[in-house]
Each structure stands twice: as structure tokens, then as C-alpha cells.
């Protein structure tokens, strides 16, 4: 997980640096990042739809980097249904 943490920290620093660019270049950089984000969101969303909830849960639990990626794109398996307990009254005969 250290490798992932280091990468995330570096990317955060680069974003901070990008905010210091002159406006036309900064706008292009952020437009590029928004486009890459939209492309990844679209592809990952479609992939998640094909995998299904159980496979998403398994992948998320198996790898912290995958868990981070799915969380970043708000991809999560549906919660399993909560069992419902119903108490029945006495029956008439």
C-alpha cells in the first residue's frame, strides 16, 4: 500500500503545482484531466456492470489499489439484502 500512498501524494502535489500555471495552460491541463477522468469513469462503470456485485466485492476486498479506484469512481457492489424477521400470530383452525 506504500506504493499507492506515495503515488497519490505525488499526484496531489502535481495538482497543486498545476494550479500555479498561467490560466490558458492551466485550463487546458484541467480539461485534459477531466477528459481522462470521464473516460475512466465510463469504462470502469461499464466494467463494473459486467462483473456483478459478488465479483466487485471480491476484487475490492482483495486489493487496496482496486478498492481505492472503485471508491474514487463511486463504484460499489449493492448491499446484500437485510434478512427480515416476521413474527406470525397464532393460527386459527
N, C-alpha and C. Protein backbone atom coordinates (compact mmCIF):
# COMPACT_ATOMS: atom_id res chain seq x y z
N UNK A 1 0.82 -1.20 0.00
CA UNK A 1 0.00 0.00 0.00
C UNK A 1 0.86 1.26 0.00
N UNK A 2 2.12 1.14 0.44
CA UNK A 2 3.01 2.30 0.48
C UNK A 2 3.20 2.88 -0.91
N UNK A 3 3.32 2.01 -1.90
CA UNK A 3 3.50 2.48 -3.28
C UNK A 3 2.30 3.30 -3.73
N UNK A 4 1.10 2.83 -3.42
CA UNK A 4 -0.12 3.57 -3.77
C UNK A 4 -0.15 4.91 -3.04
N UNK A 5 0.16 4.90 -1.76
CA UNK A 5 0.16 6.15 -0.98
C UNK A 5 1.15 7.16 -1.54
N UNK A 6 2.33 6.68 -1.92
CA UNK A 6 3.35 7.57 -2.50
C UNK A 6 2.86 8.17 -3.82
N UNK A 7 2.26 7.35 -4.65
CA UNK A 7 1.74 7.84 -5.93
C UNK A 7 0.65 8.87 -5.71
N UNK A 8 -0.27 8.59 -4.80
CA UNK A 8 -1.36 9.54 -4.53
C UNK A 8 -0.82 10.86 -4.00
N UNK A 9 0.17 10.80 -3.14
CA UNK A 9 0.78 12.04 -2.63
C UNK A 9 1.44 12.82 -3.75
N UNK A 10 2.14 12.13 -4.64
CA UNK A 10 2.81 12.81 -5.76
C UNK A 10 1.78 13.45 -6.69
N UNK A 11 0.72 12.73 -6.98
CA UNK A 11 -0.32 13.29 -7.85
C UNK A 11 -0.98 14.50 -7.21
N UNK A 12 -1.19 14.45 -5.91
CA UNK A 12 -1.76 15.60 -5.21
C UNK A 12 -0.85 16.81 -5.32
N UNK A 13 0.45 16.59 -5.16
CA UNK A 13 1.41 17.69 -5.28
C UNK A 13 1.41 18.25 -6.70
N UNK A 14 1.35 17.38 -7.69
CA UNK A 14 1.32 17.85 -9.08
C UNK A 14 0.07 18.69 -9.35
N UNK A 15 -1.06 18.29 -8.80
CA UNK A 15 -2.28 19.09 -8.97
C UNK A 15 -2.12 20.47 -8.35
N UNK A 16 -1.50 20.51 -7.19
CA UNK A 16 -1.24 21.80 -6.54
C UNK A 16 -0.34 22.66 -7.44
N UNK A 17 0.70 22.04 -8.00
CA UNK A 17 1.60 22.76 -8.91
C UNK A 17 0.87 23.25 -10.15
N UNK A 18 -0.05 22.45 -10.68
CA UNK A 18 -0.78 22.82 -11.90
C UNK A 18 -1.64 24.05 -11.66
N UNK A 19 -2.11 24.22 -10.44
CA UNK A 19 -2.94 25.39 -10.13
C UNK A 19 -2.15 26.69 -10.23
N UNK A 20 -0.84 26.60 -10.22
CA UNK A 20 0.01 27.79 -10.30
C UNK A 20 0.33 28.19 -11.75
N UNK A 21 -0.06 27.38 -12.72
CA UNK A 21 0.21 27.70 -14.12
C UNK A 21 -0.60 28.90 -14.58
N UNK A 22 -0.15 29.53 -15.66
CA UNK A 22 -0.92 30.61 -16.26
C UNK A 22 -2.27 30.05 -16.71
N UNK A 23 -3.28 30.90 -16.66
CA UNK A 23 -4.66 30.46 -16.87
C UNK A 23 -4.91 29.65 -18.14
N UNK A 24 -4.48 30.08 -19.33
CA UNK A 24 -4.81 29.27 -20.51
C UNK A 24 -4.24 27.86 -20.44
N UNK A 25 -3.00 27.73 -19.99
CA UNK A 25 -2.38 26.41 -19.88
C UNK A 25 -3.02 25.60 -18.76
N UNK A 26 -3.28 26.24 -17.65
CA UNK A 26 -3.93 25.56 -16.52
C UNK A 26 -5.28 25.02 -16.94
N UNK A 27 -6.06 25.82 -17.67
CA UNK A 27 -7.38 25.37 -18.12
C UNK A 27 -7.26 24.16 -19.04
N UNK A 28 -6.26 24.16 -19.91
CA UNK A 28 -6.06 23.01 -20.80
C UNK A 28 -5.65 21.76 -20.02
N UNK A 29 -4.77 21.92 -19.05
CA UNK A 29 -4.35 20.79 -18.23
C UNK A 29 -5.55 20.19 -17.51
N UNK A 30 -6.37 21.04 -16.90
CA UNK A 30 -7.53 20.53 -16.16
C UNK A 30 -8.59 19.97 -17.10
N UNK A 31 -8.71 20.51 -18.29
CA UNK A 31 -9.63 19.94 -19.28
C UNK A 31 -9.16 18.54 -19.66
N UNK A 32 -7.85 18.39 -19.86
CA UNK A 32 -7.29 17.08 -20.16
C UNK A 32 -7.55 16.10 -19.02
N UNK A 33 -7.29 16.52 -17.79
CA UNK A 33 -7.54 15.64 -16.64
C UNK A 33 -9.02 15.28 -16.51
N UNK A 34 -9.90 16.25 -16.75
CA UNK A 34 -11.34 15.96 -16.70
C UNK A 34 -11.73 14.95 -17.78
N UNK A 35 -11.13 15.06 -18.95
CA UNK A 35 -11.43 14.12 -20.03
C UNK A 35 -10.95 12.71 -19.70
N UNK A 36 -9.75 12.60 -19.15
CA UNK A 36 -9.23 11.30 -18.75
C UNK A 36 -10.11 10.71 -17.65
N UNK A 37 -10.50 11.55 -16.71
CA UNK A 37 -11.39 11.10 -15.63
C UNK A 37 -12.72 10.59 -16.20
N UNK A 38 -13.31 11.31 -17.11
CA UNK A 38 -14.59 10.91 -17.70
C UNK A 38 -14.45 9.59 -18.47
N UNK A 39 -13.34 9.43 -19.19
CA UNK A 39 -13.09 8.20 -19.93
C UNK A 39 -12.96 7.02 -18.98
N UNK A 40 -12.20 7.20 -17.90
CA UNK A 40 -12.03 6.12 -16.91
C UNK A 40 -13.35 5.82 -16.21
N UNK A 41 -14.10 6.86 -15.85
CA UNK A 41 -15.38 6.66 -15.18
C UNK A 41 -16.33 5.85 -16.06
N UNK A 42 -16.36 6.18 -17.35
CA UNK A 42 -17.23 5.47 -18.28
C UNK A 42 -16.81 4.01 -18.40
N UNK A 43 -15.54 3.77 -18.63
CA UNK A 43 -15.06 2.41 -18.80
C UNK A 43 -15.20 1.57 -17.54
N UNK A 44 -14.81 2.13 -16.40
CA UNK A 44 -14.92 1.39 -15.15
C UNK A 44 -16.37 1.12 -14.77
N UNK A 45 -17.24 2.07 -15.03
CA UNK A 45 -18.66 1.86 -14.75
C UNK A 45 -19.23 0.72 -15.57
N UNK A 46 -18.86 0.67 -16.83
CA UNK A 46 -19.35 -0.41 -17.69
C UNK A 46 -18.75 -1.75 -17.29
N UNK A 47 -17.47 -1.74 -16.94
CA UNK A 47 -16.82 -2.97 -16.49
C UNK A 47 -17.48 -3.48 -15.21
N UNK A 48 -17.74 -2.58 -14.28
CA UNK A 48 -18.38 -2.98 -13.02
C UNK A 48 -19.75 -3.57 -13.28
N UNK A 49 -20.47 -3.02 -14.24
CA UNK A 49 -21.78 -3.56 -14.57
C UNK A 49 -21.70 -4.98 -15.11
N UNK A 50 -20.63 -5.29 -15.81
CA UNK A 50 -20.44 -6.64 -16.35
C UNK A 50 -19.97 -7.62 -15.28
N UNK A 51 -19.20 -7.14 -14.30
CA UNK A 51 -18.65 -8.03 -13.28
C UNK A 51 -19.70 -8.51 -12.29
N UNK A 52 -20.59 -7.65 -11.91
CA UNK A 52 -21.59 -8.02 -10.92
C UNK A 52 -21.12 -7.76 -9.50
N UNK A 53 -22.06 -7.77 -8.59
CA UNK A 53 -21.80 -7.38 -7.20
C UNK A 53 -20.82 -8.29 -6.49
N UNK A 54 -20.96 -9.59 -6.62
CA UNK A 54 -20.07 -10.50 -5.91
C UNK A 54 -18.62 -10.35 -6.35
N UNK A 55 -18.41 -10.22 -7.66
CA UNK A 55 -17.04 -10.07 -8.17
C UNK A 55 -16.46 -8.72 -7.76
N UNK A 56 -17.28 -7.66 -7.78
CA UNK A 56 -16.82 -6.35 -7.31
C UNK A 56 -16.40 -6.42 -5.85
N UNK A 57 -17.19 -7.09 -5.05
CA UNK A 57 -16.88 -7.23 -3.63
C UNK A 57 -15.57 -7.99 -3.45
N UNK A 58 -15.40 -9.07 -4.19
CA UNK A 58 -14.18 -9.88 -4.08
C UNK A 58 -12.96 -9.08 -4.48
N UNK A 59 -13.03 -8.36 -5.61
CA UNK A 59 -11.90 -7.56 -6.08
C UNK A 59 -11.56 -6.43 -5.11
N UNK A 60 -12.57 -5.80 -4.58
CA UNK A 60 -12.37 -4.71 -3.63
C UNK A 60 -11.68 -5.20 -2.36
N UNK A 61 -12.10 -6.35 -1.88
CA UNK A 61 -11.51 -6.90 -0.66
C UNK A 61 -10.11 -7.44 -0.89
N UNK A 62 -9.80 -7.83 -2.13
CA UNK A 62 -8.52 -8.48 -2.43
C UNK A 62 -7.37 -7.51 -2.66
N UNK A 63 -7.67 -6.28 -3.06
CA UNK A 63 -6.58 -5.39 -3.46
C UNK A 63 -6.89 -3.94 -3.07
N UNK A 64 -6.05 -3.35 -2.22
CA UNK A 64 -6.29 -1.97 -1.79
C UNK A 64 -6.30 -0.96 -2.93
N UNK A 65 -5.48 -1.18 -3.95
CA UNK A 65 -5.46 -0.24 -5.09
C UNK A 65 -6.77 -0.31 -5.86
N UNK A 66 -7.31 -1.50 -6.04
CA UNK A 66 -8.60 -1.66 -6.72
C UNK A 66 -9.70 -1.04 -5.86
N UNK A 67 -9.63 -1.28 -4.56
CA UNK A 67 -10.62 -0.70 -3.65
C UNK A 67 -10.60 0.83 -3.75
N UNK A 68 -9.38 1.41 -3.77
CA UNK A 68 -9.27 2.87 -3.87
C UNK A 68 -9.87 3.36 -5.19
N UNK A 69 -9.54 2.67 -6.28
CA UNK A 69 -10.03 3.08 -7.60
C UNK A 69 -11.55 3.02 -7.66
N UNK A 70 -12.13 1.93 -7.20
CA UNK A 70 -13.58 1.80 -7.21
C UNK A 70 -14.22 2.88 -6.33
N UNK A 71 -13.61 3.15 -5.18
CA UNK A 71 -14.15 4.18 -4.29
C UNK A 71 -14.05 5.56 -4.95
N UNK A 72 -12.94 5.82 -5.62
CA UNK A 72 -12.74 7.12 -6.27
C UNK A 72 -13.80 7.37 -7.34
N UNK A 73 -14.26 6.30 -7.99
CA UNK A 73 -15.26 6.44 -9.05
C UNK A 73 -16.65 6.04 -8.56
N UNK A 74 -16.80 5.91 -7.24
CA UNK A 74 -18.09 5.60 -6.62
C UNK A 74 -18.70 4.33 -7.20
N UNK A 75 -17.85 3.33 -7.38
CA UNK A 75 -18.30 2.03 -7.87
C UNK A 75 -18.30 1.09 -6.68
N UNK A 76 -19.45 0.59 -6.35
CA UNK A 76 -19.54 -0.32 -5.21
C UNK A 76 -20.64 -1.33 -5.45
N UNK A 77 -20.43 -2.51 -4.90
CA UNK A 77 -21.48 -3.52 -5.05
C UNK A 77 -22.70 -3.13 -4.23
N UNK A 78 -23.82 -3.59 -4.69
CA UNK A 78 -25.06 -3.34 -3.94
C UNK A 78 -24.96 -4.07 -2.61
N UNK A 79 -25.54 -3.48 -1.60
CA UNK A 79 -25.55 -4.13 -0.29
C UNK A 79 -26.45 -5.36 -0.36
N UNK A 80 -25.99 -6.46 0.24
CA UNK A 80 -26.86 -7.64 0.26
C UNK A 80 -28.14 -7.31 1.02
N UNK A 81 -29.24 -7.91 0.61
CA UNK A 81 -30.50 -7.61 1.29
C UNK A 81 -30.43 -8.01 2.76
N UNK A 82 -31.04 -7.20 3.60
CA UNK A 82 -31.10 -7.48 5.03
C UNK A 82 -32.23 -8.47 5.28
N UNK A 83 -31.91 -9.56 5.97
CA UNK A 83 -32.99 -10.52 6.25
C UNK A 83 -34.08 -9.87 7.10
N UNK A 84 -35.28 -10.22 6.81
CA UNK A 84 -36.43 -9.67 7.54
C UNK A 84 -37.04 -10.79 8.37
N UNK A 85 -37.25 -10.51 9.64
CA UNK A 85 -37.89 -11.48 10.52
C UNK A 85 -39.35 -11.07 10.70
N UNK A 86 -40.21 -11.99 10.42
CA UNK A 86 -41.64 -11.73 10.57
C UNK A 86 -42.20 -12.67 11.62
N UNK A 87 -42.83 -12.11 12.62
CA UNK A 87 -43.47 -12.95 13.64
C UNK A 87 -44.92 -13.11 13.26
N UNK A 88 -45.34 -14.34 13.19
CA UNK A 88 -46.72 -14.63 12.86
C UNK A 88 -47.49 -14.91 14.15
N UNK A 89 -48.71 -14.45 14.18
CA UNK A 89 -49.56 -14.71 15.34
C UNK A 89 -50.07 -16.15 15.31
N UNK A 90 -50.83 -16.49 16.29
CA UNK A 90 -51.37 -17.87 16.30
C UNK A 90 -52.29 -18.08 15.11
N UNK A 91 -52.32 -19.29 14.65
CA UNK A 91 -53.19 -19.61 13.51
C UNK A 91 -54.51 -20.16 14.02
N UNK A 92 -55.56 -19.95 13.28
CA UNK A 92 -56.89 -20.45 13.63
C UNK A 92 -57.14 -21.74 12.88
N UNK A 93 -57.85 -22.57 13.50
CA UNK A 93 -58.25 -23.82 12.83
C UNK A 93 -59.71 -23.90 12.73
